[in-house]
All heavy atoms as atom14 arrays in JSON, in Angstrom:
{
  "sequence": "HALLGDQVQFADLGLVVVDEQHRFGVEQRESL",
  "atom14_mask": [
    [1, 1, 1, 1, 1, 1, 1, 1, 1, 1, 0, 0, 0, 0],
    [1, 1, 1, 1, 1, 0, 0, 0, 0, 0, 0, 0, 0, 0],
    [1, 1, 1, 1, 1, 1, 1, 1, 0, 0, 0, 0, 0, 0],
    [1, 1, 1, 1, 1, 1, 1, 1, 0, 0, 0, 0, 0, 0],
    [1, 1, 1, 1, 0, 0, 0, 0, 0, 0, 0, 0, 0, 0],
    [1, 1, 1, 1, 1, 1, 1, 1, 0, 0, 0, 0, 0, 0],
    [1, 1, 1, 1, 1, 1, 1, 1, 1, 0, 0, 0, 0, 0],
    [1, 1, 1, 1, 1, 1, 1, 0, 0, 0, 0, 0, 0, 0],
    [1, 1, 1, 1, 1, 1, 1, 1, 1, 0, 0, 0, 0, 0],
    [1, 1, 1, 1, 1, 1, 1, 1, 1, 1, 1, 0, 0, 0],
    [1, 1, 1, 1, 1, 0, 0, 0, 0, 0, 0, 0, 0, 0],
    [1, 1, 1, 1, 1, 1, 1, 1, 0, 0, 0, 0, 0, 0],
    [1, 1, 1, 1, 1, 1, 1, 1, 0, 0, 0, 0, 0, 0],
    [1, 1, 1, 1, 0, 0, 0, 0, 0, 0, 0, 0, 0, 0],
    [1, 1, 1, 1, 1, 1, 1, 1, 0, 0, 0, 0, 0, 0],
    [1, 1, 1, 1, 1, 1, 1, 0, 0, 0, 0, 0, 0, 0],
    [1, 1, 1, 1, 1, 1, 1, 0, 0, 0, 0, 0, 0, 0],
    [1, 1, 1, 1, 1, 1, 1, 0, 0, 0, 0, 0, 0, 0],
    [1, 1, 1, 1, 1, 1, 1, 1, 0, 0, 0, 0, 0, 0],
    [1, 1, 1, 1, 1, 1, 1, 1, 1, 0, 0, 0, 0, 0],
    [1, 1, 1, 1, 1, 1, 1, 1, 1, 0, 0, 0, 0, 0],
    [1, 1, 1, 1, 1, 1, 1, 1, 1, 1, 0, 0, 0, 0],
    [1, 1, 1, 1, 1, 1, 1, 1, 1, 1, 1, 0, 0, 0],
    [1, 1, 1, 1, 1, 1, 1, 1, 1, 1, 1, 0, 0, 0],
    [1, 1, 1, 1, 0, 0, 0, 0, 0, 0, 0, 0, 0, 0],
    [1, 1, 1, 1, 1, 1, 1, 0, 0, 0, 0, 0, 0, 0],
    [1, 1, 1, 1, 1, 1, 1, 1, 1, 0, 0, 0, 0, 0],
    [1, 1, 1, 1, 1, 1, 1, 1, 1, 0, 0, 0, 0, 0],
    [1, 1, 1, 1, 1, 1, 1, 1, 1, 1, 1, 0, 0, 0],
    [1, 1, 1, 1, 1, 1, 1, 1, 1, 0, 0, 0, 0, 0],
    [1, 1, 1, 1, 1, 1, 0, 0, 0, 0, 0, 0, 0, 0],
    [1, 1, 1, 1, 1, 1, 1, 1, 0, 0, 0, 0, 0, 0]
  ],
  "atom14_positions": [
    [[-2.42, -5.49, 4.89], [-1.43, -5.93, 3.91], [-2.08, -6.53, 2.65], [-1.45, -6.62, 1.6], [-0.52, -7.0, 4.53], [0.25, -6.51, 5.71], [-0.32, -6.37, 6.96], [1.54, -6.13, 5.84], [0.58, -5.91, 7.8], [1.72, -5.76, 7.16], [0.0, 0.0, 0.0], [0.0, 0.0, 0.0], [0.0, 0.0, 0.0], [0.0, 0.0, 0.0]],
    [[-3.35, -6.92, 2.76], [-4.07, -7.47, 1.61], [-4.11, -6.49, 0.45], [-4.2, -6.89, -0.72], [-5.48, -7.88, 2.0], [0.0, 0.0, 0.0], [0.0, 0.0, 0.0], [0.0, 0.0, 0.0], [0.0, 0.0, 0.0], [0.0, 0.0, 0.0], [0.0, 0.0, 0.0], [0.0, 0.0, 0.0], [0.0, 0.0, 0.0], [0.0, 0.0, 0.0]],
    [[-4.02, -5.19, 0.72], [-4.03, -4.17, -0.35], [-2.8, -4.29, -1.25], [-2.8, -3.78, -2.35], [-4.06, -2.76, 0.26], [-5.36, -2.28, 0.89], [-5.16, -0.89, 1.47], [-6.48, -2.27, -0.14], [0.0, 0.0, 0.0], [0.0, 0.0, 0.0], [0.0, 0.0, 0.0], [0.0, 0.0, 0.0], [0.0, 0.0, 0.0], [0.0, 0.0, 0.0]],
    [[-1.77, -4.94, -0.75], [-0.52, -4.99, -1.48], [-0.47, -6.13, -2.49], [0.47, -6.22, -3.28], [0.67, -5.16, -0.49], [0.64, -4.21, 0.72], [1.79, -4.52, 1.65], [0.7, -2.77, 0.28], [0.0, 0.0, 0.0], [0.0, 0.0, 0.0], [0.0, 0.0, 0.0], [0.0, 0.0, 0.0], [0.0, 0.0, 0.0], [0.0, 0.0, 0.0]],
    [[-1.46, -7.01, -2.47], [-1.44, -8.19, -3.35], [-1.52, -7.83, -4.83], [-2.03, -6.78, -5.22], [0.0, 0.0, 0.0], [0.0, 0.0, 0.0], [0.0, 0.0, 0.0], [0.0, 0.0, 0.0], [0.0, 0.0, 0.0], [0.0, 0.0, 0.0], [0.0, 0.0, 0.0], [0.0, 0.0, 0.0], [0.0, 0.0, 0.0], [0.0, 0.0, 0.0]],
    [[-1.03, -8.75, -5.65], [-1.01, -8.54, -7.12], [-2.42, -8.39, -7.71], [-2.59, -7.73, -8.73], [-0.29, -9.71, -7.81], [1.19, -9.75, -7.47], [1.72, -8.7, -7.07], [1.8, -10.82, -7.59], [0.0, 0.0, 0.0], [0.0, 0.0, 0.0], [0.0, 0.0, 0.0], [0.0, 0.0, 0.0], [0.0, 0.0, 0.0], [0.0, 0.0, 0.0]],
    [[-3.41, -9.01, -7.07], [-4.78, -8.96, -7.63], [-5.42, -7.58, -7.44], [-6.39, -7.26, -8.1], [-5.65, -10.01, -6.93], [-5.29, -11.44, -7.3], [-6.25, -12.4, -6.6], [-6.48, -12.3, -5.39], [-6.79, -13.35, -7.35], [0.0, 0.0, 0.0], [0.0, 0.0, 0.0], [0.0, 0.0, 0.0], [0.0, 0.0, 0.0], [0.0, 0.0, 0.0]],
    [[-4.86, -6.78, -6.55], [-5.47, -5.48, -6.25], [-4.99, -4.45, -7.28], [-3.8, -4.15, -7.37], [-5.1, -5.01, -4.83], [-5.79, -3.68, -4.52], [-5.5, -6.07, -3.8], [0.0, 0.0, 0.0], [0.0, 0.0, 0.0], [0.0, 0.0, 0.0], [0.0, 0.0, 0.0], [0.0, 0.0, 0.0], [0.0, 0.0, 0.0], [0.0, 0.0, 0.0]],
    [[-5.93, -3.94, -8.07], [-5.61, -2.93, -9.08], [-6.55, -1.73, -8.91], [-7.75, -1.9, -8.71], [-5.75, -3.51, -10.49], [-4.75, -4.63, -10.77], [-4.85, -5.13, -12.2], [-5.72, -4.69, -12.96], [-3.97, -6.04, -12.57], [0.0, 0.0, 0.0], [0.0, 0.0, 0.0], [0.0, 0.0, 0.0], [0.0, 0.0, 0.0], [0.0, 0.0, 0.0]],
    [[-5.98, -0.54, -9.0], [-6.76, 0.69, -8.83], [-7.02, 1.33, -10.2], [-6.17, 1.24, -11.1], [-6.0, 1.68, -7.96], [-5.91, 1.27, -6.51], [-4.94, 0.4, -6.09], [-6.81, 1.79, -5.57], [-4.85, 0.02, -4.75], [-6.73, 1.42, -4.23], [-5.75, 0.54, -3.82], [0.0, 0.0, 0.0], [0.0, 0.0, 0.0], [0.0, 0.0, 0.0]],
    [[-8.17, 1.99, -10.33], [-8.47, 2.72, -11.57], [-7.64, 4.0, -11.62], [-7.09, 4.36, -12.66], [-9.97, 3.04, -11.63], [0.0, 0.0, 0.0], [0.0, 0.0, 0.0], [0.0, 0.0, 0.0], [0.0, 0.0, 0.0], [0.0, 0.0, 0.0], [0.0, 0.0, 0.0], [0.0, 0.0, 0.0], [0.0, 0.0, 0.0], [0.0, 0.0, 0.0]],
    [[-7.55, 4.71, -10.48], [-6.8, 5.99, -10.43], [-6.4, 6.26, -8.99], [-7.08, 6.98, -8.26], [-7.69, 7.12, -10.97], [-6.98, 8.48, -10.93], [-5.74, 8.5, -10.76], [-7.67, 9.52, -11.04], [0.0, 0.0, 0.0], [0.0, 0.0, 0.0], [0.0, 0.0, 0.0], [0.0, 0.0, 0.0], [0.0, 0.0, 0.0], [0.0, 0.0, 0.0]],
    [[-5.3, 5.63, -8.58], [-4.83, 5.82, -7.18], [-4.18, 7.19, -7.06], [-3.12, 7.45, -7.63], [-3.86, 4.7, -6.81], [-3.31, 4.77, -5.38], [-4.44, 4.69, -4.35], [-2.3, 3.64, -5.13], [0.0, 0.0, 0.0], [0.0, 0.0, 0.0], [0.0, 0.0, 0.0], [0.0, 0.0, 0.0], [0.0, 0.0, 0.0], [0.0, 0.0, 0.0]],
    [[-4.81, 8.07, -6.28], [-4.29, 9.44, -6.15], [-3.64, 9.73, -4.82], [-2.83, 10.65, -4.7], [0.0, 0.0, 0.0], [0.0, 0.0, 0.0], [0.0, 0.0, 0.0], [0.0, 0.0, 0.0], [0.0, 0.0, 0.0], [0.0, 0.0, 0.0], [0.0, 0.0, 0.0], [0.0, 0.0, 0.0], [0.0, 0.0, 0.0], [0.0, 0.0, 0.0]],
    [[-4.01, 8.95, -3.76], [-3.5, 9.24, -2.42], [-3.31, 7.93, -1.66], [-4.19, 7.08, -1.62], [-4.5, 10.14, -1.66], [-4.2, 10.4, -0.18], [-2.9, 11.2, -0.01], [-5.37, 11.13, 0.49], [0.0, 0.0, 0.0], [0.0, 0.0, 0.0], [0.0, 0.0, 0.0], [0.0, 0.0, 0.0], [0.0, 0.0, 0.0], [0.0, 0.0, 0.0]],
    [[-2.15, 7.79, -1.06], [-1.86, 6.68, -0.16], [-1.75, 7.25, 1.25], [-0.96, 8.16, 1.49], [-0.55, 5.96, -0.54], [-0.14, 4.97, 0.55], [-0.7, 5.25, -1.89], [0.0, 0.0, 0.0], [0.0, 0.0, 0.0], [0.0, 0.0, 0.0], [0.0, 0.0, 0.0], [0.0, 0.0, 0.0], [0.0, 0.0, 0.0], [0.0, 0.0, 0.0]],
    [[-2.57, 6.73, 2.17], [-2.49, 7.13, 3.58], [-1.96, 5.93, 4.36], [-2.54, 4.84, 4.3], [-3.87, 7.55, 4.12], [-3.76, 7.96, 5.58], [-4.45, 8.68, 3.29], [0.0, 0.0, 0.0], [0.0, 0.0, 0.0], [0.0, 0.0, 0.0], [0.0, 0.0, 0.0], [0.0, 0.0, 0.0], [0.0, 0.0, 0.0], [0.0, 0.0, 0.0]],
    [[-0.88, 6.11, 5.05], [-0.28, 5.03, 5.84], [-0.49, 5.37, 7.32], [0.01, 6.38, 7.81], [1.24, 4.87, 5.55], [1.79, 3.71, 6.36], [1.45, 4.63, 4.06], [0.0, 0.0, 0.0], [0.0, 0.0, 0.0], [0.0, 0.0, 0.0], [0.0, 0.0, 0.0], [0.0, 0.0, 0.0], [0.0, 0.0, 0.0], [0.0, 0.0, 0.0]],
    [[-1.27, 4.52, 8.0], [-1.55, 4.75, 9.42], [-0.52, 4.03, 10.26], [-0.32, 2.82, 10.11], [-2.96, 4.24, 9.74], [-3.43, 4.67, 11.12], [-2.89, 5.66, 11.63], [-4.33, 4.03, 11.66], [0.0, 0.0, 0.0], [0.0, 0.0, 0.0], [0.0, 0.0, 0.0], [0.0, 0.0, 0.0], [0.0, 0.0, 0.0], [0.0, 0.0, 0.0]],
    [[0.11, 4.76, 11.17], [1.17, 4.21, 12.01], [2.24, 3.54, 11.16], [2.43, 2.33, 11.19], [0.58, 3.23, 13.04], [-0.28, 3.91, 14.07], [0.42, 5.04, 14.8], [1.62, 4.92, 15.08], [-0.23, 6.06, 15.07], [0.0, 0.0, 0.0], [0.0, 0.0, 0.0], [0.0, 0.0, 0.0], [0.0, 0.0, 0.0], [0.0, 0.0, 0.0]],
    [[2.97, 4.37, 10.41], [3.86, 3.88, 9.37], [4.99, 3.02, 9.93], [5.56, 2.22, 9.21], [4.42, 5.04, 8.57], [5.61, 5.73, 9.16], [6.77, 5.7, 8.22], [6.6, 5.69, 7.03], [7.96, 5.67, 8.76], [0.0, 0.0, 0.0], [0.0, 0.0, 0.0], [0.0, 0.0, 0.0], [0.0, 0.0, 0.0], [0.0, 0.0, 0.0]],
    [[5.35, 3.17, 11.21], [6.44, 2.35, 11.73], [6.07, 0.87, 11.78], [6.92, 0.03, 12.0], [6.83, 2.82, 13.14], [5.77, 2.63, 14.16], [4.66, 3.43, 14.25], [5.64, 1.71, 15.15], [3.92, 3.02, 15.25], [4.48, 1.98, 15.82], [0.0, 0.0, 0.0], [0.0, 0.0, 0.0], [0.0, 0.0, 0.0], [0.0, 0.0, 0.0]],
    [[4.79, 0.55, 11.57], [4.35, -0.85, 11.56], [4.59, -1.53, 10.23], [4.35, -2.72, 10.1], [2.86, -0.93, 11.9], [2.5, -0.38, 13.26], [3.06, -1.29, 14.35], [2.61, -0.83, 15.66], [1.86, -1.55, 16.47], [1.45, -2.74, 16.1], [1.54, -1.11, 17.65], [0.0, 0.0, 0.0], [0.0, 0.0, 0.0], [0.0, 0.0, 0.0]],
    [[5.01, -0.8, 9.22], [5.14, -1.37, 7.88], [6.58, -1.35, 7.4], [7.32, -0.4, 7.65], [4.25, -0.62, 6.88], [2.78, -0.76, 7.18], [2.11, 0.23, 7.85], [2.1, -1.91, 6.83], [0.76, 0.1, 8.16], [0.76, -2.06, 7.13], [0.08, -1.05, 7.79], [0.0, 0.0, 0.0], [0.0, 0.0, 0.0], [0.0, 0.0, 0.0]],
    [[6.97, -2.4, 6.69], [8.28, -2.43, 6.08], [8.32, -1.59, 4.81], [7.29, -1.22, 4.26], [0.0, 0.0, 0.0], [0.0, 0.0, 0.0], [0.0, 0.0, 0.0], [0.0, 0.0, 0.0], [0.0, 0.0, 0.0], [0.0, 0.0, 0.0], [0.0, 0.0, 0.0], [0.0, 0.0, 0.0], [0.0, 0.0, 0.0], [0.0, 0.0, 0.0]],
    [[9.52, -1.33, 4.36], [9.72, -0.5, 3.17], [9.02, -1.09, 1.96], [8.31, -0.42, 1.22], [11.24, -0.38, 2.89], [11.47, 0.35, 1.59], [11.91, 0.36, 4.03], [0.0, 0.0, 0.0], [0.0, 0.0, 0.0], [0.0, 0.0, 0.0], [0.0, 0.0, 0.0], [0.0, 0.0, 0.0], [0.0, 0.0, 0.0], [0.0, 0.0, 0.0]],
    [[9.2, -2.38, 1.73], [8.64, -3.02, 0.54], [7.12, -2.92, 0.53], [6.5, -2.77, -0.52], [9.08, -4.49, 0.48], [10.54, -4.7, 0.14], [10.88, -4.22, -1.26], [9.98, -4.1, -2.11], [12.05, -3.92, -1.51], [0.0, 0.0, 0.0], [0.0, 0.0, 0.0], [0.0, 0.0, 0.0], [0.0, 0.0, 0.0], [0.0, 0.0, 0.0]],
    [[6.51, -3.04, 1.7], [5.05, -3.0, 1.76], [4.52, -1.64, 1.35], [3.57, -1.54, 0.58], [4.6, -3.34, 3.19], [4.94, -4.76, 3.59], [4.87, -4.96, 5.08], [5.13, -4.06, 5.87], [4.53, -6.17, 5.49], [0.0, 0.0, 0.0], [0.0, 0.0, 0.0], [0.0, 0.0, 0.0], [0.0, 0.0, 0.0], [0.0, 0.0, 0.0]],
    [[5.16, -0.57, 1.85], [4.69, 0.76, 1.49], [4.91, 1.04, 0.01], [4.07, 1.62, -0.67], [5.41, 1.81, 2.35], [5.08, 1.69, 3.81], [5.53, 2.92, 4.57], [6.96, 3.13, 4.54], [7.82, 2.6, 5.4], [7.39, 1.77, 6.32], [9.1, 2.87, 5.32], [0.0, 0.0, 0.0], [0.0, 0.0, 0.0], [0.0, 0.0, 0.0]],
    [[6.05, 0.6, -0.49], [6.38, 0.89, -1.88], [5.48, 0.13, -2.84], [5.09, 0.64, -3.89], [7.84, 0.55, -2.14], [8.28, 0.66, -3.59], [8.1, 2.05, -4.18], [7.8, 3.0, -3.44], [8.26, 2.17, -5.41], [0.0, 0.0, 0.0], [0.0, 0.0, 0.0], [0.0, 0.0, 0.0], [0.0, 0.0, 0.0], [0.0, 0.0, 0.0]],
    [[5.12, -1.12, -2.5], [4.29, -1.9, -3.41], [2.91, -1.26, -3.58], [2.28, -1.38, -4.63], [4.15, -3.35, -2.93], [3.54, -3.39, -1.67], [0.0, 0.0, 0.0], [0.0, 0.0, 0.0], [0.0, 0.0, 0.0], [0.0, 0.0, 0.0], [0.0, 0.0, 0.0], [0.0, 0.0, 0.0], [0.0, 0.0, 0.0], [0.0, 0.0, 0.0]],
    [[2.43, -0.56, -2.55], [1.16, 0.16, -2.68], [1.32, 1.41, -3.54], [0.48, 1.73, -4.38], [0.62, 0.51, -1.29], [-0.77, 1.17, -1.23], [-1.78, 0.32, -1.96], [-1.19, 1.36, 0.22], [0.0, 0.0, 0.0], [0.0, 0.0, 0.0], [0.0, 0.0, 0.0], [0.0, 0.0, 0.0], [0.0, 0.0, 0.0], [0.0, 0.0, 0.0]]
  ]
}
């Protein structure tokens, strides 16, 4: 979940891989 914090910024985020997606809430996935 630390990846979702405001301090985390990507130069060019091209792919999001969610492992075992049922473990994450909607907001968490969307914020990434």
